[in-house]
Amino acid sequence: MIYRRIARRYASALFQAASQHNVIDEVERDLGTAQARIAAEPALATFIRHPEISGQRKQEVIQAAFSRLQPTSVSFLGLLVRRRRHGYLAAVIDEYRRLSDEARGLVRAQALSAVPMTEQQKERLRRVLERRSGKRVVLEYKVEPALLAGVVVKTESEAIDASARGRLEKLRELLAGARYRGLGQ
């Protein structure tokens, strides 16, 4: 809980700074670039995490390593490292992306279906979700054979289970509750 709260605070401050400089999209892209580079370069990741290296030295390396990014992004990465909050980068990126999507009137969702959906089915589902949310929806599709049939849609704030597996589980719970109350003996 505290972890999320700290990430939210940093992401919110970064989003405000990016908004003021009109670089919201660029900063979002930069954060992903920085995360990928740190993950791809173990020496850089080890350097950033090293407890005996001063925050000032780390910040200098961050500025040199990410000099091609937006100044707002570089300053933010330096701040995270200087305050020893580099472990929060992934959570900050998630929260920043959420704030960015919210500002654009965008909702990200994941659709899981038992079998691959046709383009027409995908489009129909996206339109239904857009009407329901009042926002533009970006859907990611995955096949999950364990669903048996139907679809499950997950957004940040809700999950809609219209799968056969979900219906069977609800039925099982209903029957178990009936037995417990003495109705199914």
N, C-alpha and C. Protein backbone atom coordinates (compact mmCIF):
# COMPACT_ATOMS: atom_id res chain seq x y z
N MET A 1 0.83 -1.19 0.00
CA MET A 1 0.00 0.00 0.00
C MET A 1 0.87 1.26 0.00
N ILE A 2 1.87 1.30 0.90
CA ILE A 2 2.76 2.45 0.96
C ILE A 2 3.55 2.56 -0.35
N TYR A 3 3.97 1.40 -0.86
CA TYR A 3 4.72 1.34 -2.12
C TYR A 3 3.93 2.04 -3.22
N ARG A 4 2.66 1.70 -3.34
CA ARG A 4 1.78 2.28 -4.36
C ARG A 4 1.60 3.78 -4.15
N ARG A 5 1.45 4.16 -2.88
CA ARG A 5 1.23 5.57 -2.55
C ARG A 5 2.46 6.41 -2.94
N ILE A 6 3.65 5.88 -2.65
CA ILE A 6 4.89 6.59 -3.00
C ILE A 6 5.02 6.70 -4.51
N ALA A 7 4.77 5.61 -5.22
CA ALA A 7 4.85 5.63 -6.68
C ALA A 7 3.84 6.62 -7.26
N ARG A 8 2.65 6.66 -6.69
CA ARG A 8 1.60 7.57 -7.16
C ARG A 8 2.04 9.03 -6.96
N ARG A 9 2.67 9.30 -5.83
CA ARG A 9 3.12 10.67 -5.54
C ARG A 9 4.19 11.12 -6.54
N TYR A 10 5.17 10.26 -6.80
CA TYR A 10 6.22 10.59 -7.76
C TYR A 10 5.65 10.73 -9.17
N ALA A 11 4.78 9.82 -9.56
CA ALA A 11 4.20 9.87 -10.90
C ALA A 11 3.36 11.14 -11.08
N SER A 12 2.63 11.50 -10.05
CA SER A 12 1.79 12.71 -10.12
C SER A 12 2.66 13.96 -10.29
N ALA A 13 3.74 14.05 -9.53
CA ALA A 13 4.65 15.20 -9.66
C ALA A 13 5.27 15.23 -11.05
N LEU A 14 5.69 14.09 -11.55
CA LEU A 14 6.27 14.03 -12.89
C LEU A 14 5.24 14.41 -13.94
N PHE A 15 4.02 13.93 -13.79
CA PHE A 15 2.97 14.24 -14.75
C PHE A 15 2.70 15.75 -14.78
N GLN A 16 2.67 16.38 -13.62
CA GLN A 16 2.46 17.83 -13.56
C GLN A 16 3.58 18.57 -14.27
N ALA A 17 4.82 18.14 -14.03
CA ALA A 17 5.97 18.79 -14.68
C ALA A 17 5.91 18.58 -16.19
N ALA A 18 5.59 17.37 -16.62
CA ALA A 18 5.48 17.09 -18.05
C ALA A 18 4.36 17.90 -18.69
N SER A 19 3.26 18.06 -17.98
CA SER A 19 2.14 18.85 -18.49
C SER A 19 2.55 20.31 -18.68
N GLN A 20 3.26 20.84 -17.70
CA GLN A 20 3.70 22.24 -17.78
C GLN A 20 4.63 22.47 -18.97
N HIS A 21 5.44 21.47 -19.29
CA HIS A 21 6.37 21.60 -20.41
C HIS A 21 5.80 21.01 -21.71
N ASN A 22 4.56 20.55 -21.65
CA ASN A 22 3.88 19.98 -22.82
C ASN A 22 4.66 18.82 -23.45
N VAL A 23 5.14 17.91 -22.59
CA VAL A 23 5.93 16.76 -23.06
C VAL A 23 5.41 15.45 -22.44
N ILE A 24 4.11 15.36 -22.24
CA ILE A 24 3.53 14.18 -21.59
C ILE A 24 3.87 12.89 -22.35
N ASP A 25 3.65 12.88 -23.64
CA ASP A 25 3.92 11.67 -24.43
C ASP A 25 5.40 11.34 -24.47
N GLU A 26 6.23 12.36 -24.63
CA GLU A 26 7.67 12.14 -24.70
C GLU A 26 8.20 11.55 -23.40
N VAL A 27 7.73 12.06 -22.27
CA VAL A 27 8.18 11.55 -20.97
C VAL A 27 7.73 10.11 -20.79
N GLU A 28 6.52 9.80 -21.22
CA GLU A 28 6.03 8.42 -21.12
C GLU A 28 6.94 7.48 -21.92
N ARG A 29 7.29 7.90 -23.12
CA ARG A 29 8.18 7.11 -23.97
C ARG A 29 9.57 7.00 -23.33
N ASP A 30 10.07 8.11 -22.78
CA ASP A 30 11.38 8.13 -22.14
C ASP A 30 11.45 7.18 -20.95
N LEU A 31 10.40 7.13 -20.16
CA LEU A 31 10.40 6.24 -19.00
C LEU A 31 10.53 4.79 -19.42
N GLY A 32 9.81 4.43 -20.48
CA GLY A 32 9.92 3.06 -20.99
C GLY A 32 11.32 2.77 -21.53
N THR A 33 11.90 3.75 -22.21
CA THR A 33 13.26 3.61 -22.74
C THR A 33 14.26 3.42 -21.60
N ALA A 34 14.12 4.23 -20.57
CA ALA A 34 15.04 4.15 -19.42
C ALA A 34 14.90 2.80 -18.72
N GLN A 35 13.68 2.36 -18.52
CA GLN A 35 13.45 1.08 -17.85
C GLN A 35 14.07 -0.06 -18.67
N ALA A 36 13.87 -0.04 -19.96
CA ALA A 36 14.41 -1.09 -20.83
C ALA A 36 15.94 -1.07 -20.82
N ARG A 37 16.53 0.11 -20.84
CA ARG A 37 17.99 0.21 -20.85
C ARG A 37 18.59 -0.27 -19.53
N ILE A 38 17.97 0.11 -18.44
CA ILE A 38 18.47 -0.34 -17.13
C ILE A 38 18.37 -1.85 -17.02
N ALA A 39 17.28 -2.42 -17.53
CA ALA A 39 17.11 -3.88 -17.50
C ALA A 39 18.11 -4.58 -18.42
N ALA A 40 18.45 -3.94 -19.53
CA ALA A 40 19.35 -4.56 -20.52
C ALA A 40 20.83 -4.41 -20.16
N GLU A 41 21.13 -3.47 -19.28
CA GLU A 41 22.53 -3.23 -18.90
C GLU A 41 22.73 -3.50 -17.41
N PRO A 42 23.07 -4.73 -17.07
CA PRO A 42 23.25 -5.09 -15.65
C PRO A 42 24.25 -4.20 -14.92
N ALA A 43 25.29 -3.75 -15.59
CA ALA A 43 26.28 -2.88 -14.94
C ALA A 43 25.64 -1.56 -14.51
N LEU A 44 24.79 -1.01 -15.36
CA LEU A 44 24.10 0.23 -15.02
C LEU A 44 23.15 0.02 -13.84
N ALA A 45 22.41 -1.07 -13.88
CA ALA A 45 21.48 -1.38 -12.78
C ALA A 45 22.23 -1.58 -11.47
N THR A 46 23.34 -2.28 -11.51
CA THR A 46 24.15 -2.51 -10.31
C THR A 46 24.71 -1.19 -9.79
N PHE A 47 25.18 -0.34 -10.69
CA PHE A 47 25.71 0.97 -10.30
C PHE A 47 24.63 1.79 -9.59
N ILE A 48 23.44 1.82 -10.16
CA ILE A 48 22.36 2.62 -9.59
C ILE A 48 21.98 2.11 -8.20
N ARG A 49 22.00 0.81 -8.01
CA ARG A 49 21.61 0.22 -6.72
C ARG A 49 22.72 0.24 -5.67
N HIS A 50 23.94 0.47 -6.09
CA HIS A 50 25.08 0.36 -5.17
C HIS A 50 24.95 1.37 -4.03
N PRO A 51 24.94 0.89 -2.78
CA PRO A 51 24.70 1.78 -1.64
C PRO A 51 25.88 2.70 -1.29
N GLU A 52 27.09 2.38 -1.75
CA GLU A 52 28.25 3.18 -1.37
C GLU A 52 28.58 4.28 -2.37
N ILE A 53 27.86 4.31 -3.47
CA ILE A 53 28.09 5.36 -4.47
C ILE A 53 27.16 6.52 -4.15
N SER A 54 27.72 7.72 -4.13
CA SER A 54 26.93 8.89 -3.74
C SER A 54 25.80 9.17 -4.73
N GLY A 55 24.76 9.79 -4.22
CA GLY A 55 23.63 10.18 -5.06
C GLY A 55 24.05 11.15 -6.15
N GLN A 56 24.99 12.03 -5.81
CA GLN A 56 25.49 13.00 -6.79
C GLN A 56 26.17 12.29 -7.96
N ARG A 57 27.01 11.31 -7.65
CA ARG A 57 27.72 10.57 -8.70
C ARG A 57 26.72 9.79 -9.56
N LYS A 58 25.75 9.17 -8.91
CA LYS A 58 24.73 8.42 -9.64
C LYS A 58 23.96 9.35 -10.58
N GLN A 59 23.65 10.54 -10.08
CA GLN A 59 22.91 11.49 -10.90
C GLN A 59 23.73 11.90 -12.12
N GLU A 60 25.02 12.08 -11.96
CA GLU A 60 25.89 12.43 -13.08
C GLU A 60 25.88 11.32 -14.14
N VAL A 61 25.93 10.09 -13.69
CA VAL A 61 25.91 8.95 -14.62
C VAL A 61 24.56 8.88 -15.33
N ILE A 62 23.48 9.09 -14.59
CA ILE A 62 22.13 9.08 -15.18
C ILE A 62 22.05 10.15 -16.26
N GLN A 63 22.54 11.35 -15.97
CA GLN A 63 22.48 12.44 -16.96
C GLN A 63 23.29 12.09 -18.21
N ALA A 64 24.43 11.45 -18.03
CA ALA A 64 25.24 11.07 -19.19
C ALA A 64 24.59 9.91 -19.96
N ALA A 65 24.09 8.91 -19.22
CA ALA A 65 23.52 7.72 -19.86
C ALA A 65 22.23 8.03 -20.62
N PHE A 66 21.47 9.00 -20.12
CA PHE A 66 20.17 9.30 -20.72
C PHE A 66 20.10 10.72 -21.29
N SER A 67 21.22 11.21 -21.79
CA SER A 67 21.29 12.59 -22.28
C SER A 67 20.37 12.85 -23.46
N ARG A 68 19.96 11.81 -24.18
CA ARG A 68 19.10 12.01 -25.35
C ARG A 68 17.62 12.10 -25.00
N LEU A 69 17.30 11.87 -23.74
CA LEU A 69 15.90 11.94 -23.30
C LEU A 69 15.54 13.39 -22.99
N GLN A 70 14.26 13.62 -22.81
CA GLN A 70 13.76 14.94 -22.43
C GLN A 70 14.41 15.37 -21.11
N PRO A 71 14.74 16.65 -20.97
CA PRO A 71 15.32 17.12 -19.70
C PRO A 71 14.43 16.80 -18.49
N THR A 72 13.13 16.87 -18.67
CA THR A 72 12.20 16.54 -17.58
C THR A 72 12.39 15.08 -17.16
N SER A 73 12.55 14.21 -18.12
CA SER A 73 12.73 12.78 -17.84
C SER A 73 14.05 12.53 -17.13
N VAL A 74 15.11 13.14 -17.62
CA VAL A 74 16.44 12.95 -17.03
C VAL A 74 16.46 13.48 -15.60
N SER A 75 15.88 14.64 -15.39
CA SER A 75 15.82 15.20 -14.04
C SER A 75 15.07 14.28 -13.10
N PHE A 76 13.97 13.73 -13.59
CA PHE A 76 13.17 12.83 -12.76
C PHE A 76 13.94 11.57 -12.41
N LEU A 77 14.60 10.96 -13.39
CA LEU A 77 15.39 9.75 -13.13
C LEU A 77 16.49 10.05 -12.12
N GLY A 78 17.12 11.22 -12.26
CA GLY A 78 18.15 11.62 -11.30
C GLY A 78 17.58 11.76 -9.89
N LEU A 79 16.38 12.33 -9.81
CA LEU A 79 15.71 12.48 -8.51
C LEU A 79 15.43 11.13 -7.88
N LEU A 80 14.91 10.20 -8.66
CA LEU A 80 14.63 8.86 -8.13
C LEU A 80 15.90 8.20 -7.59
N VAL A 81 16.96 8.31 -8.33
CA VAL A 81 18.23 7.69 -7.92
C VAL A 81 18.79 8.40 -6.69
N ARG A 82 18.78 9.71 -6.71
CA ARG A 82 19.32 10.49 -5.59
C ARG A 82 18.57 10.19 -4.29
N ARG A 83 17.27 10.00 -4.39
CA ARG A 83 16.45 9.72 -3.19
C ARG A 83 16.32 8.23 -2.90
N ARG A 84 17.08 7.43 -3.63
CA ARG A 84 17.09 5.97 -3.45
C ARG A 84 15.69 5.37 -3.65
N ARG A 85 15.01 5.87 -4.65
CA ARG A 85 13.68 5.37 -4.99
C ARG A 85 13.68 4.70 -6.36
N HIS A 86 14.85 4.32 -6.86
CA HIS A 86 14.97 3.70 -8.18
C HIS A 86 14.18 2.40 -8.28
N GLY A 87 13.97 1.74 -7.16
CA GLY A 87 13.18 0.50 -7.16
C GLY A 87 11.71 0.74 -7.46
N TYR A 88 11.30 1.98 -7.43
CA TYR A 88 9.90 2.33 -7.69
C TYR A 88 9.63 2.63 -9.16
N LEU A 89 10.66 2.57 -9.99
CA LEU A 89 10.52 3.00 -11.38
C LEU A 89 9.37 2.31 -12.11
N ALA A 90 9.26 1.00 -12.01
CA ALA A 90 8.18 0.28 -12.72
C ALA A 90 6.80 0.74 -12.24
N ALA A 91 6.64 0.90 -10.94
CA ALA A 91 5.35 1.34 -10.39
C ALA A 91 5.05 2.78 -10.79
N VAL A 92 6.08 3.62 -10.82
CA VAL A 92 5.91 5.01 -11.25
C VAL A 92 5.48 5.05 -12.72
N ILE A 93 6.11 4.21 -13.54
CA ILE A 93 5.75 4.16 -14.96
C ILE A 93 4.29 3.74 -15.12
N ASP A 94 3.86 2.72 -14.40
CA ASP A 94 2.46 2.29 -14.47
C ASP A 94 1.52 3.41 -14.09
N GLU A 95 1.82 4.09 -13.01
CA GLU A 95 0.96 5.18 -12.54
C GLU A 95 0.99 6.36 -13.50
N TYR A 96 2.16 6.69 -14.02
CA TYR A 96 2.28 7.78 -14.98
C TYR A 96 1.44 7.47 -16.23
N ARG A 97 1.53 6.23 -16.69
CA ARG A 97 0.77 5.81 -17.86
C ARG A 97 -0.73 5.93 -17.59
N ARG A 98 -1.15 5.58 -16.38
CA ARG A 98 -2.56 5.69 -16.01
C ARG A 98 -3.00 7.16 -16.04
N LEU A 99 -2.17 8.04 -15.49
CA LEU A 99 -2.49 9.48 -15.50
C LEU A 99 -2.53 10.02 -16.93
N SER A 100 -1.61 9.59 -17.74
CA SER A 100 -1.55 10.01 -19.13
C SER A 100 -2.79 9.53 -19.90
N ASP A 101 -3.16 8.28 -19.69
CA ASP A 101 -4.36 7.73 -20.33
C ASP A 101 -5.60 8.49 -19.89
N GLU A 102 -5.67 8.77 -18.60
CA GLU A 102 -6.82 9.50 -18.06
C GLU A 102 -6.93 10.87 -18.70
N ALA A 103 -5.82 11.56 -18.86
CA ALA A 103 -5.81 12.89 -19.49
C ALA A 103 -6.26 12.82 -20.94
N ARG A 104 -5.98 11.71 -21.61
CA ARG A 104 -6.39 11.53 -23.01
C ARG A 104 -7.80 10.98 -23.15
N GLY A 105 -8.45 10.63 -22.02
CA GLY A 105 -9.77 10.02 -22.09
C GLY A 105 -9.70 8.60 -22.62
N LEU A 106 -8.68 7.86 -22.18
CA LEU A 106 -8.39 6.54 -22.70
C LEU A 106 -8.46 5.50 -21.58
N VAL A 107 -8.98 4.33 -21.90
CA VAL A 107 -9.02 3.21 -20.96
C VAL A 107 -8.33 2.03 -21.63
N ARG A 108 -7.44 1.39 -20.89
CA ARG A 108 -6.78 0.18 -21.40
C ARG A 108 -7.49 -1.03 -20.80
N ALA A 109 -7.70 -2.03 -21.63
CA ALA A 109 -8.39 -3.24 -21.17
C ALA A 109 -7.74 -4.46 -21.80
N GLN A 110 -7.96 -5.58 -21.15
CA GLN A 110 -7.46 -6.85 -21.67
C GLN A 110 -8.66 -7.77 -21.84
N ALA A 111 -8.78 -8.35 -23.01
CA ALA A 111 -9.86 -9.30 -23.30
C ALA A 111 -9.26 -10.69 -23.41
N LEU A 112 -9.75 -11.60 -22.59
CA LEU A 112 -9.33 -13.00 -22.64
C LEU A 112 -10.49 -13.79 -23.22
N SER A 113 -10.20 -14.58 -24.23
CA SER A 113 -11.26 -15.40 -24.82
C SER A 113 -10.78 -16.83 -24.96
N ALA A 114 -11.73 -17.76 -24.97
CA ALA A 114 -11.40 -19.18 -25.06
C ALA A 114 -10.79 -19.53 -26.42
N VAL A 115 -11.24 -18.86 -27.45
CA VAL A 115 -10.74 -19.07 -28.81
C VAL A 115 -10.41 -17.70 -29.41
N PRO A 116 -9.59 -17.65 -30.45
CA PRO A 116 -9.27 -16.36 -31.06
C PRO A 116 -10.54 -15.65 -31.55
N MET A 117 -10.59 -14.35 -31.31
CA MET A 117 -11.74 -13.56 -31.74
C MET A 117 -11.50 -13.05 -33.16
N THR A 118 -12.58 -12.91 -33.92
CA THR A 118 -12.48 -12.32 -35.25
C THR A 118 -12.31 -10.81 -35.09
N GLU A 119 -11.88 -10.16 -36.14
CA GLU A 119 -11.73 -8.71 -36.11
C GLU A 119 -13.08 -8.04 -35.83
N GLN A 120 -14.14 -8.60 -36.40
CA GLN A 120 -15.47 -8.05 -36.19
C GLN A 120 -15.88 -8.17 -34.71
N GLN A 121 -15.60 -9.30 -34.09
CA GLN A 121 -15.91 -9.49 -32.67
C GLN A 121 -15.09 -8.53 -31.80
N LYS A 122 -13.83 -8.36 -32.14
CA LYS A 122 -12.98 -7.44 -31.38
C LYS A 122 -13.51 -6.02 -31.45
N GLU A 123 -13.89 -5.61 -32.66
CA GLU A 123 -14.40 -4.26 -32.85
C GLU A 123 -15.72 -4.06 -32.11
N ARG A 124 -16.59 -5.05 -32.17
CA ARG A 124 -17.87 -4.97 -31.46
C ARG A 124 -17.65 -4.84 -29.95
N LEU A 125 -16.76 -5.65 -29.42
CA LEU A 125 -16.44 -5.61 -27.99
C LEU A 125 -15.87 -4.25 -27.61
N ARG A 126 -14.97 -3.72 -28.42
CA ARG A 126 -14.38 -2.41 -28.14
C ARG A 126 -15.44 -1.32 -28.12
N ARG A 127 -16.38 -1.36 -29.08
CA ARG A 127 -17.45 -0.35 -29.13
C ARG A 127 -18.35 -0.45 -27.90
N VAL A 128 -18.67 -1.67 -27.48
CA VAL A 128 -19.52 -1.86 -26.28
C VAL A 128 -18.82 -1.27 -25.06
N LEU A 129 -17.54 -1.54 -24.94
CA LEU A 129 -16.78 -1.02 -23.80
C LEU A 129 -16.66 0.50 -23.84
N GLU A 130 -16.53 1.05 -25.03
CA GLU A 130 -16.47 2.51 -25.16
C GLU A 130 -17.79 3.16 -24.76
N ARG A 131 -18.91 2.55 -25.17
CA ARG A 131 -20.22 3.08 -24.76
C ARG A 131 -20.38 2.99 -23.25
N ARG A 132 -19.95 1.89 -22.69
CA ARG A 132 -20.09 1.65 -21.25
C ARG A 132 -19.23 2.61 -20.43
N SER A 133 -18.00 2.88 -20.89
CA SER A 133 -17.07 3.71 -20.12
C SER A 133 -17.15 5.20 -20.48
N GLY A 134 -17.65 5.49 -21.68
CA GLY A 134 -17.67 6.87 -22.13
C GLY A 134 -16.29 7.36 -22.55
N LYS A 135 -15.35 6.43 -22.69
CA LYS A 135 -13.98 6.79 -23.06
C LYS A 135 -13.53 5.92 -24.22
N ARG A 136 -12.44 6.34 -24.84
CA ARG A 136 -11.83 5.55 -25.89
C ARG A 136 -11.16 4.35 -25.25
N VAL A 137 -11.32 3.17 -25.83
CA VAL A 137 -10.78 1.93 -25.26
C VAL A 137 -9.71 1.34 -26.16
N VAL A 138 -8.60 0.98 -25.54
CA VAL A 138 -7.54 0.25 -26.23
C VAL A 138 -7.54 -1.15 -25.64
N LEU A 139 -7.84 -2.13 -26.49
CA LEU A 139 -7.96 -3.52 -26.03
C LEU A 139 -6.75 -4.35 -26.43
N GLU A 140 -6.30 -5.15 -25.49
CA GLU A 140 -5.27 -6.15 -25.76
C GLU A 140 -5.98 -7.49 -25.71
N TYR A 141 -5.72 -8.34 -26.67
CA TYR A 141 -6.43 -9.62 -26.76
C TYR A 141 -5.49 -10.77 -26.47
N LYS A 142 -6.00 -11.74 -25.71
CA LYS A 142 -5.24 -12.96 -25.44
C LYS A 142 -6.20 -14.14 -25.47
N VAL A 143 -5.68 -15.28 -25.87
CA VAL A 143 -6.48 -16.51 -25.88
C VAL A 143 -6.17 -17.27 -24.60
N GLU A 144 -7.23 -17.68 -23.90
CA GLU A 144 -7.12 -18.43 -22.65
C GLU A 144 -8.07 -19.62 -22.73
N PRO A 145 -7.61 -20.75 -23.25
CA PRO A 145 -8.48 -21.92 -23.46
C PRO A 145 -9.19 -22.39 -22.19
N ALA A 146 -8.62 -22.14 -21.01
CA ALA A 146 -9.24 -22.58 -19.76
C ALA A 146 -10.60 -21.93 -19.51
N LEU A 147 -10.92 -20.88 -20.25
CA LEU A 147 -12.23 -20.22 -20.07
C LEU A 147 -13.38 -21.07 -20.62
N LEU A 148 -13.07 -22.05 -21.43
CA LEU A 148 -14.04 -22.95 -22.07
C LEU A 148 -14.81 -22.27 -23.18
N ALA A 149 -15.44 -21.16 -22.90
CA ALA A 149 -16.19 -20.39 -23.90
C ALA A 149 -16.39 -18.98 -23.34
N GLY A 150 -16.71 -18.04 -24.20
CA GLY A 150 -16.99 -16.69 -23.74
C GLY A 150 -15.75 -15.83 -23.64
N VAL A 151 -15.88 -14.75 -22.86
CA VAL A 151 -14.81 -13.77 -22.75
C VAL A 151 -14.77 -13.17 -21.34
N VAL A 152 -13.58 -12.77 -20.93
CA VAL A 152 -13.38 -12.03 -19.68
C VAL A 152 -12.66 -10.75 -20.08
N VAL A 153 -13.18 -9.61 -19.61
CA VAL A 153 -12.56 -8.32 -19.90
C VAL A 153 -12.11 -7.71 -18.58
N LYS A 154 -10.86 -7.28 -18.55
CA LYS A 154 -10.30 -6.67 -17.34
C LYS A 154 -9.82 -5.27 -17.65
N THR A 155 -10.25 -4.33 -16.84
CA THR A 155 -9.72 -2.97 -16.89
C THR A 155 -9.09 -2.71 -15.53
N GLU A 156 -8.57 -1.51 -15.37
CA GLU A 156 -7.96 -1.18 -14.08
C GLU A 156 -8.99 -1.20 -12.95
N SER A 157 -10.21 -0.83 -13.27
CA SER A 157 -11.21 -0.67 -12.22
C SER A 157 -12.24 -1.80 -12.12
N GLU A 158 -12.32 -2.67 -13.13
CA GLU A 158 -13.33 -3.72 -13.05
C GLU A 158 -12.96 -4.92 -13.91
N ALA A 159 -13.65 -6.01 -13.64
CA ALA A 159 -13.52 -7.23 -14.45
C ALA A 159 -14.92 -7.69 -14.81
N ILE A 160 -15.11 -8.02 -16.07
CA ILE A 160 -16.40 -8.51 -16.55
C ILE A 160 -16.17 -9.94 -17.00
N ASP A 161 -16.81 -10.88 -16.32
CA ASP A 161 -16.62 -12.29 -16.63
C ASP A 161 -17.86 -12.84 -17.32
N ALA A 162 -17.77 -13.01 -18.63
CA ALA A 162 -18.85 -13.60 -19.41
C ALA A 162 -18.36 -14.91 -20.02
N SER A 163 -17.58 -15.64 -19.21
CA SER A 163 -17.03 -16.91 -19.69
C SER A 163 -17.83 -18.08 -19.13
N ALA A 164 -17.73 -19.20 -19.80
CA ALA A 164 -18.40 -20.41 -19.31
C ALA A 164 -17.80 -20.84 -17.98
N ARG A 165 -16.49 -20.73 -17.84
CA ARG A 165 -15.85 -21.10 -16.58
C ARG A 165 -16.37 -20.23 -15.44
N GLY A 166 -16.50 -18.93 -15.68
CA GLY A 166 -17.02 -18.01 -14.66
C GLY A 166 -18.45 -18.36 -14.26
N ARG A 167 -19.27 -18.68 -15.25
CA ARG A 167 -20.66 -19.05 -14.95
C ARG A 167 -20.73 -20.35 -14.17
N LEU A 168 -19.88 -21.32 -14.53
CA LEU A 168 -19.85 -22.59 -13.79
C LEU A 168 -19.39 -22.38 -12.35
N GLU A 169 -18.42 -21.52 -12.13
CA GLU A 169 -17.95 -21.23 -10.78
C GLU A 169 -19.05 -20.57 -9.96
N LYS A 170 -19.79 -19.65 -10.56
CA LYS A 170 -20.90 -19.00 -9.84
C LYS A 170 -21.98 -20.02 -9.48
N LEU A 171 -22.26 -20.92 -10.40
CA LEU A 171 -23.24 -21.96 -10.14
C LEU A 171 -22.78 -22.87 -9.01
N ARG A 172 -21.50 -23.25 -9.01
CA ARG A 172 -20.94 -24.08 -7.96
C ARG A 172 -21.06 -23.38 -6.60
N GLU A 173 -20.75 -22.09 -6.56
CA GLU A 173 -20.86 -21.33 -5.31
C GLU A 173 -22.31 -21.27 -4.84
N LEU A 174 -23.22 -21.09 -5.79
CA LEU A 174 -24.64 -21.05 -5.44
C LEU A 174 -25.10 -22.38 -4.86
N LEU A 175 -24.69 -23.46 -5.50
CA LEU A 175 -25.06 -24.79 -5.01
C LEU A 175 -24.40 -25.09 -3.66
N ALA A 176 -23.17 -24.69 -3.49
CA ALA A 176 -22.48 -24.90 -2.20
C ALA A 176 -23.18 -24.11 -1.10
N GLY A 177 -23.62 -22.91 -1.41
CA GLY A 177 -24.35 -22.10 -0.42
C GLY A 177 -25.68 -22.72 -0.09
N ALA A 178 -26.34 -23.31 -1.07
CA ALA A 178 -27.64 -23.96 -0.83
C ALA A 178 -27.46 -25.16 0.07
N ARG A 179 -26.43 -25.95 -0.15
CA ARG A 179 -26.14 -27.12 0.71
C ARG A 179 -25.84 -26.67 2.13
N TYR A 180 -25.10 -25.60 2.24
CA TYR A 180 -24.70 -25.11 3.55
C TYR A 180 -25.93 -24.69 4.36
N ARG A 181 -26.89 -24.11 3.70
CA ARG A 181 -28.11 -23.67 4.38
C ARG A 181 -29.10 -24.83 4.57
N GLY A 182 -28.70 -26.00 4.13
CA GLY A 182 -29.57 -27.17 4.33
C GLY A 182 -30.57 -27.36 3.22
N LEU A 183 -30.44 -26.62 2.13
CA LEU A 183 -31.41 -26.73 1.05
C LEU A 183 -31.08 -27.85 0.07
N GLY A 184 -29.83 -28.26 0.02
CA GLY A 184 -29.44 -29.24 -0.99
C GLY A 184 -29.20 -30.62 -0.43
N GLN A 185 -29.80 -30.97 0.68
CA GLN A 185 -29.55 -32.29 1.28
C GLN A 185 -30.41 -33.35 0.73
